Amino acid sequence: MSDPHFHVLEPARNRNGEDALVPFLLGARHAPVTISASDVARVDAHRLQILLVAQKQWAREKLPFRLTEANDSFRAGLERLGLAPDHFDKDQTS
């Protein structure tokens, strides 16, 4: 198995829509990933959709997809958008 790829989410997505998460995920395809949410100040629906699609893709490929260090702002954003605040805490390797 490849070495894990690591990414730290920015506090918020740029207003122009660009998010460094997308190129990171494209470059990390077919390898384990760990994404830190320690700096997140706001989660919007677009970023959450990217994370959920990636989570499913990595699960389909039976590769680890871990979101770590979810702070209170990140958890509150998940809840505001209809997910359990611990959604990404579950083991994502199967």
N, C-alpha and C. Protein backbone atom coordinates (compact mmCIF):
# COMPACT_ATOMS: atom_id res chain seq x y z
N MET A 1 0.84 -1.18 0.00
CA MET A 1 0.00 0.00 0.00
C MET A 1 0.89 1.24 0.00
N SER A 2 0.45 2.27 -0.65
CA SER A 2 1.19 3.53 -0.73
C SER A 2 1.23 4.25 0.61
N ASP A 3 2.17 5.17 0.72
CA ASP A 3 2.22 6.03 1.91
C ASP A 3 0.98 6.92 1.93
N PRO A 4 0.48 7.24 3.12
CA PRO A 4 -0.69 8.11 3.19
C PRO A 4 -0.37 9.54 2.75
N HIS A 5 -1.33 10.16 2.13
CA HIS A 5 -1.23 11.57 1.74
C HIS A 5 -1.91 12.39 2.84
N PHE A 6 -1.35 13.54 3.18
CA PHE A 6 -1.88 14.36 4.27
C PHE A 6 -2.22 15.76 3.77
N HIS A 7 -3.36 16.27 4.25
CA HIS A 7 -3.82 17.61 3.85
C HIS A 7 -4.48 18.29 5.05
N VAL A 8 -4.25 19.58 5.20
CA VAL A 8 -4.91 20.37 6.23
C VAL A 8 -5.94 21.27 5.53
N LEU A 9 -7.20 21.11 5.92
CA LEU A 9 -8.24 21.96 5.34
C LEU A 9 -8.02 23.41 5.75
N GLU A 10 -8.26 24.31 4.81
CA GLU A 10 -8.16 25.74 5.10
C GLU A 10 -9.33 26.15 5.98
N PRO A 11 -9.23 27.28 6.69
CA PRO A 11 -10.32 27.70 7.58
C PRO A 11 -11.68 27.81 6.88
N ALA A 12 -11.68 28.26 5.63
CA ALA A 12 -12.92 28.36 4.85
C ALA A 12 -12.55 28.30 3.38
N ARG A 13 -13.53 27.92 2.57
CA ARG A 13 -13.30 27.86 1.13
C ARG A 13 -13.23 29.28 0.59
N ASN A 14 -12.36 29.51 -0.38
CA ASN A 14 -12.24 30.84 -1.01
C ASN A 14 -13.56 31.24 -1.64
N ARG A 15 -13.85 32.51 -1.62
CA ARG A 15 -15.11 33.00 -2.21
C ARG A 15 -15.19 32.75 -3.71
N ASN A 16 -14.04 32.62 -4.37
CA ASN A 16 -14.06 32.36 -5.81
C ASN A 16 -14.35 30.90 -6.11
N GLY A 17 -14.55 30.10 -5.06
CA GLY A 17 -14.92 28.70 -5.25
C GLY A 17 -13.76 27.74 -5.25
N GLU A 18 -12.54 28.25 -5.35
CA GLU A 18 -11.39 27.36 -5.36
C GLU A 18 -11.16 26.77 -3.98
N ASP A 19 -10.75 25.54 -3.95
CA ASP A 19 -10.46 24.87 -2.69
C ASP A 19 -9.28 23.95 -2.94
N ALA A 20 -8.24 24.07 -2.16
CA ALA A 20 -7.05 23.23 -2.32
C ALA A 20 -7.35 21.76 -2.09
N LEU A 21 -8.50 21.46 -1.53
CA LEU A 21 -8.89 20.07 -1.29
C LEU A 21 -9.03 19.29 -2.59
N VAL A 22 -9.58 19.91 -3.61
CA VAL A 22 -9.82 19.19 -4.87
C VAL A 22 -8.52 18.70 -5.52
N PRO A 23 -7.54 19.57 -5.76
CA PRO A 23 -6.30 19.05 -6.35
C PRO A 23 -5.59 18.04 -5.45
N PHE A 24 -5.70 18.24 -4.13
CA PHE A 24 -5.11 17.26 -3.21
C PHE A 24 -5.73 15.88 -3.44
N LEU A 25 -7.05 15.81 -3.47
CA LEU A 25 -7.73 14.52 -3.64
C LEU A 25 -7.42 13.90 -4.99
N LEU A 26 -7.36 14.71 -6.03
CA LEU A 26 -7.02 14.17 -7.35
C LEU A 26 -5.62 13.58 -7.35
N GLY A 27 -4.69 14.24 -6.69
CA GLY A 27 -3.32 13.74 -6.63
C GLY A 27 -3.14 12.56 -5.70
N ALA A 28 -4.08 12.36 -4.79
CA ALA A 28 -3.97 11.28 -3.80
C ALA A 28 -4.79 10.05 -4.18
N ARG A 29 -5.41 10.06 -5.36
CA ARG A 29 -6.24 8.92 -5.77
C ARG A 29 -5.45 7.63 -5.66
N HIS A 30 -6.14 6.58 -5.25
CA HIS A 30 -5.59 5.24 -5.14
C HIS A 30 -4.55 5.12 -4.02
N ALA A 31 -4.60 6.02 -3.04
CA ALA A 31 -3.68 5.97 -1.90
C ALA A 31 -4.46 6.37 -0.64
N PRO A 32 -4.00 5.93 0.52
CA PRO A 32 -4.65 6.35 1.76
C PRO A 32 -4.51 7.86 1.96
N VAL A 33 -5.54 8.47 2.56
CA VAL A 33 -5.48 9.90 2.85
C VAL A 33 -5.86 10.18 4.30
N THR A 34 -5.25 11.23 4.83
CA THR A 34 -5.62 11.78 6.13
C THR A 34 -5.79 13.27 5.93
N ILE A 35 -6.94 13.78 6.35
CA ILE A 35 -7.26 15.19 6.20
C ILE A 35 -7.52 15.77 7.59
N SER A 36 -6.81 16.83 7.93
CA SER A 36 -7.00 17.48 9.22
C SER A 36 -8.02 18.61 9.09
N ALA A 37 -8.97 18.63 10.03
CA ALA A 37 -9.97 19.70 10.07
C ALA A 37 -9.71 20.64 11.25
N SER A 38 -8.49 20.66 11.73
CA SER A 38 -8.16 21.44 12.94
C SER A 38 -8.30 22.95 12.74
N ASP A 39 -8.10 23.44 11.53
CA ASP A 39 -8.15 24.89 11.27
C ASP A 39 -9.48 25.38 10.72
N VAL A 40 -10.43 24.48 10.51
CA VAL A 40 -11.69 24.85 9.86
C VAL A 40 -12.51 25.80 10.74
N ALA A 41 -12.89 26.93 10.16
CA ALA A 41 -13.74 27.90 10.85
C ALA A 41 -15.19 27.80 10.36
N ARG A 42 -15.36 27.29 9.12
CA ARG A 42 -16.70 27.21 8.52
C ARG A 42 -16.72 26.10 7.49
N VAL A 43 -17.76 25.28 7.56
CA VAL A 43 -17.97 24.22 6.57
C VAL A 43 -19.16 24.62 5.72
N ASP A 44 -18.97 24.68 4.41
CA ASP A 44 -20.11 24.96 3.54
C ASP A 44 -20.53 23.68 2.82
N ALA A 45 -21.68 23.72 2.19
CA ALA A 45 -22.23 22.53 1.54
C ALA A 45 -21.33 22.02 0.43
N HIS A 46 -20.69 22.92 -0.29
CA HIS A 46 -19.82 22.50 -1.40
C HIS A 46 -18.64 21.68 -0.88
N ARG A 47 -17.97 22.17 0.13
CA ARG A 47 -16.82 21.45 0.68
C ARG A 47 -17.27 20.12 1.29
N LEU A 48 -18.40 20.14 1.98
CA LEU A 48 -18.90 18.90 2.57
C LEU A 48 -19.22 17.87 1.49
N GLN A 49 -19.80 18.32 0.39
CA GLN A 49 -20.10 17.40 -0.71
C GLN A 49 -18.82 16.78 -1.26
N ILE A 50 -17.77 17.56 -1.41
CA ILE A 50 -16.48 17.03 -1.88
C ILE A 50 -15.98 15.96 -0.92
N LEU A 51 -16.04 16.24 0.38
CA LEU A 51 -15.57 15.28 1.38
C LEU A 51 -16.39 13.99 1.36
N LEU A 52 -17.71 14.11 1.22
CA LEU A 52 -18.56 12.92 1.22
C LEU A 52 -18.34 12.06 -0.02
N VAL A 53 -18.18 12.69 -1.17
CA VAL A 53 -17.91 11.94 -2.41
C VAL A 53 -16.56 11.24 -2.30
N ALA A 54 -15.56 11.95 -1.80
CA ALA A 54 -14.24 11.34 -1.63
C ALA A 54 -14.30 10.18 -0.64
N GLN A 55 -15.01 10.37 0.45
CA GLN A 55 -15.15 9.30 1.44
C GLN A 55 -15.72 8.04 0.80
N LYS A 56 -16.75 8.19 -0.02
CA LYS A 56 -17.35 7.03 -0.69
C LYS A 56 -16.39 6.40 -1.70
N GLN A 57 -15.67 7.24 -2.44
CA GLN A 57 -14.73 6.71 -3.44
C GLN A 57 -13.63 5.91 -2.77
N TRP A 58 -13.08 6.44 -1.70
CA TRP A 58 -12.00 5.72 -1.00
C TRP A 58 -12.55 4.42 -0.38
N ALA A 59 -13.76 4.45 0.14
CA ALA A 59 -14.37 3.23 0.70
C ALA A 59 -14.56 2.19 -0.40
N ARG A 60 -15.00 2.63 -1.57
CA ARG A 60 -15.19 1.74 -2.71
C ARG A 60 -13.88 1.05 -3.08
N GLU A 61 -12.78 1.78 -2.96
CA GLU A 61 -11.46 1.23 -3.28
C GLU A 61 -10.81 0.54 -2.08
N LYS A 62 -11.55 0.49 -0.96
CA LYS A 62 -11.06 -0.14 0.28
C LYS A 62 -9.73 0.47 0.74
N LEU A 63 -9.66 1.79 0.66
CA LEU A 63 -8.48 2.54 1.10
C LEU A 63 -8.85 3.41 2.29
N PRO A 64 -7.92 3.62 3.21
CA PRO A 64 -8.20 4.48 4.36
C PRO A 64 -8.47 5.93 3.93
N PHE A 65 -9.54 6.47 4.47
CA PHE A 65 -9.90 7.88 4.30
C PHE A 65 -10.20 8.39 5.70
N ARG A 66 -9.30 9.17 6.24
CA ARG A 66 -9.47 9.63 7.62
C ARG A 66 -9.53 11.15 7.67
N LEU A 67 -10.52 11.63 8.40
CA LEU A 67 -10.61 13.05 8.68
C LEU A 67 -10.33 13.18 10.18
N THR A 68 -9.28 13.90 10.53
CA THR A 68 -8.83 13.96 11.92
C THR A 68 -8.93 15.38 12.47
N GLU A 69 -8.80 15.48 13.76
CA GLU A 69 -8.73 16.76 14.46
C GLU A 69 -9.92 17.67 14.14
N ALA A 70 -11.10 17.07 14.05
CA ALA A 70 -12.30 17.86 13.77
C ALA A 70 -12.59 18.78 14.97
N ASN A 71 -12.52 20.07 14.74
CA ASN A 71 -12.76 21.02 15.83
C ASN A 71 -14.26 21.28 15.98
N ASP A 72 -14.62 22.10 16.97
CA ASP A 72 -16.03 22.38 17.24
C ASP A 72 -16.72 23.05 16.07
N SER A 73 -16.03 23.94 15.36
CA SER A 73 -16.63 24.62 14.20
C SER A 73 -16.95 23.63 13.09
N PHE A 74 -16.04 22.69 12.86
CA PHE A 74 -16.28 21.68 11.83
C PHE A 74 -17.47 20.81 12.21
N ARG A 75 -17.50 20.35 13.46
CA ARG A 75 -18.60 19.49 13.92
C ARG A 75 -19.95 20.23 13.87
N ALA A 76 -19.95 21.49 14.26
CA ALA A 76 -21.18 22.28 14.20
C ALA A 76 -21.65 22.45 12.76
N GLY A 77 -20.71 22.62 11.84
CA GLY A 77 -21.06 22.73 10.42
C GLY A 77 -21.67 21.45 9.88
N LEU A 78 -21.12 20.31 10.29
CA LEU A 78 -21.70 19.03 9.86
C LEU A 78 -23.14 18.93 10.33
N GLU A 79 -23.35 19.28 11.60
CA GLU A 79 -24.69 19.19 12.17
C GLU A 79 -25.65 20.16 11.47
N ARG A 80 -25.18 21.37 11.21
CA ARG A 80 -26.00 22.38 10.53
C ARG A 80 -26.42 21.90 9.13
N LEU A 81 -25.54 21.10 8.50
CA LEU A 81 -25.81 20.62 7.15
C LEU A 81 -26.48 19.24 7.13
N GLY A 82 -26.89 18.75 8.31
CA GLY A 82 -27.70 17.54 8.36
C GLY A 82 -26.99 16.24 8.67
N LEU A 83 -25.71 16.30 9.02
CA LEU A 83 -24.98 15.08 9.37
C LEU A 83 -24.73 15.04 10.86
N ALA A 84 -24.46 13.85 11.36
CA ALA A 84 -24.06 13.72 12.75
C ALA A 84 -22.70 14.39 12.93
N PRO A 85 -22.47 15.07 14.04
CA PRO A 85 -21.19 15.74 14.24
C PRO A 85 -20.00 14.79 14.25
N ASP A 86 -20.27 13.51 14.49
CA ASP A 86 -19.19 12.51 14.51
C ASP A 86 -19.13 11.68 13.23
N HIS A 87 -19.75 12.17 12.17
CA HIS A 87 -19.83 11.40 10.92
C HIS A 87 -18.47 10.88 10.46
N PHE A 88 -17.46 11.71 10.50
CA PHE A 88 -16.14 11.32 10.00
C PHE A 88 -15.28 10.62 11.05
N ASP A 89 -15.83 10.44 12.26
CA ASP A 89 -15.08 9.76 13.31
C ASP A 89 -15.09 8.25 13.13
N LYS A 90 -16.03 7.75 12.36
CA LYS A 90 -16.15 6.31 12.16
C LYS A 90 -14.99 5.80 11.32
N ASP A 91 -14.61 4.55 11.54
CA ASP A 91 -13.51 3.94 10.78
C ASP A 91 -13.87 3.93 9.31
N GLN A 92 -13.01 4.46 8.48
CA GLN A 92 -13.28 4.57 7.05
C GLN A 92 -12.42 3.63 6.21
N THR A 93 -11.96 2.53 6.81
CA THR A 93 -11.08 1.63 6.06
C THR A 93 -11.82 0.47 5.45
N SER A 94 -13.10 0.31 5.74
CA SER A 94 -13.82 -0.83 5.16
C SER A 94 -14.90 -0.38 4.22
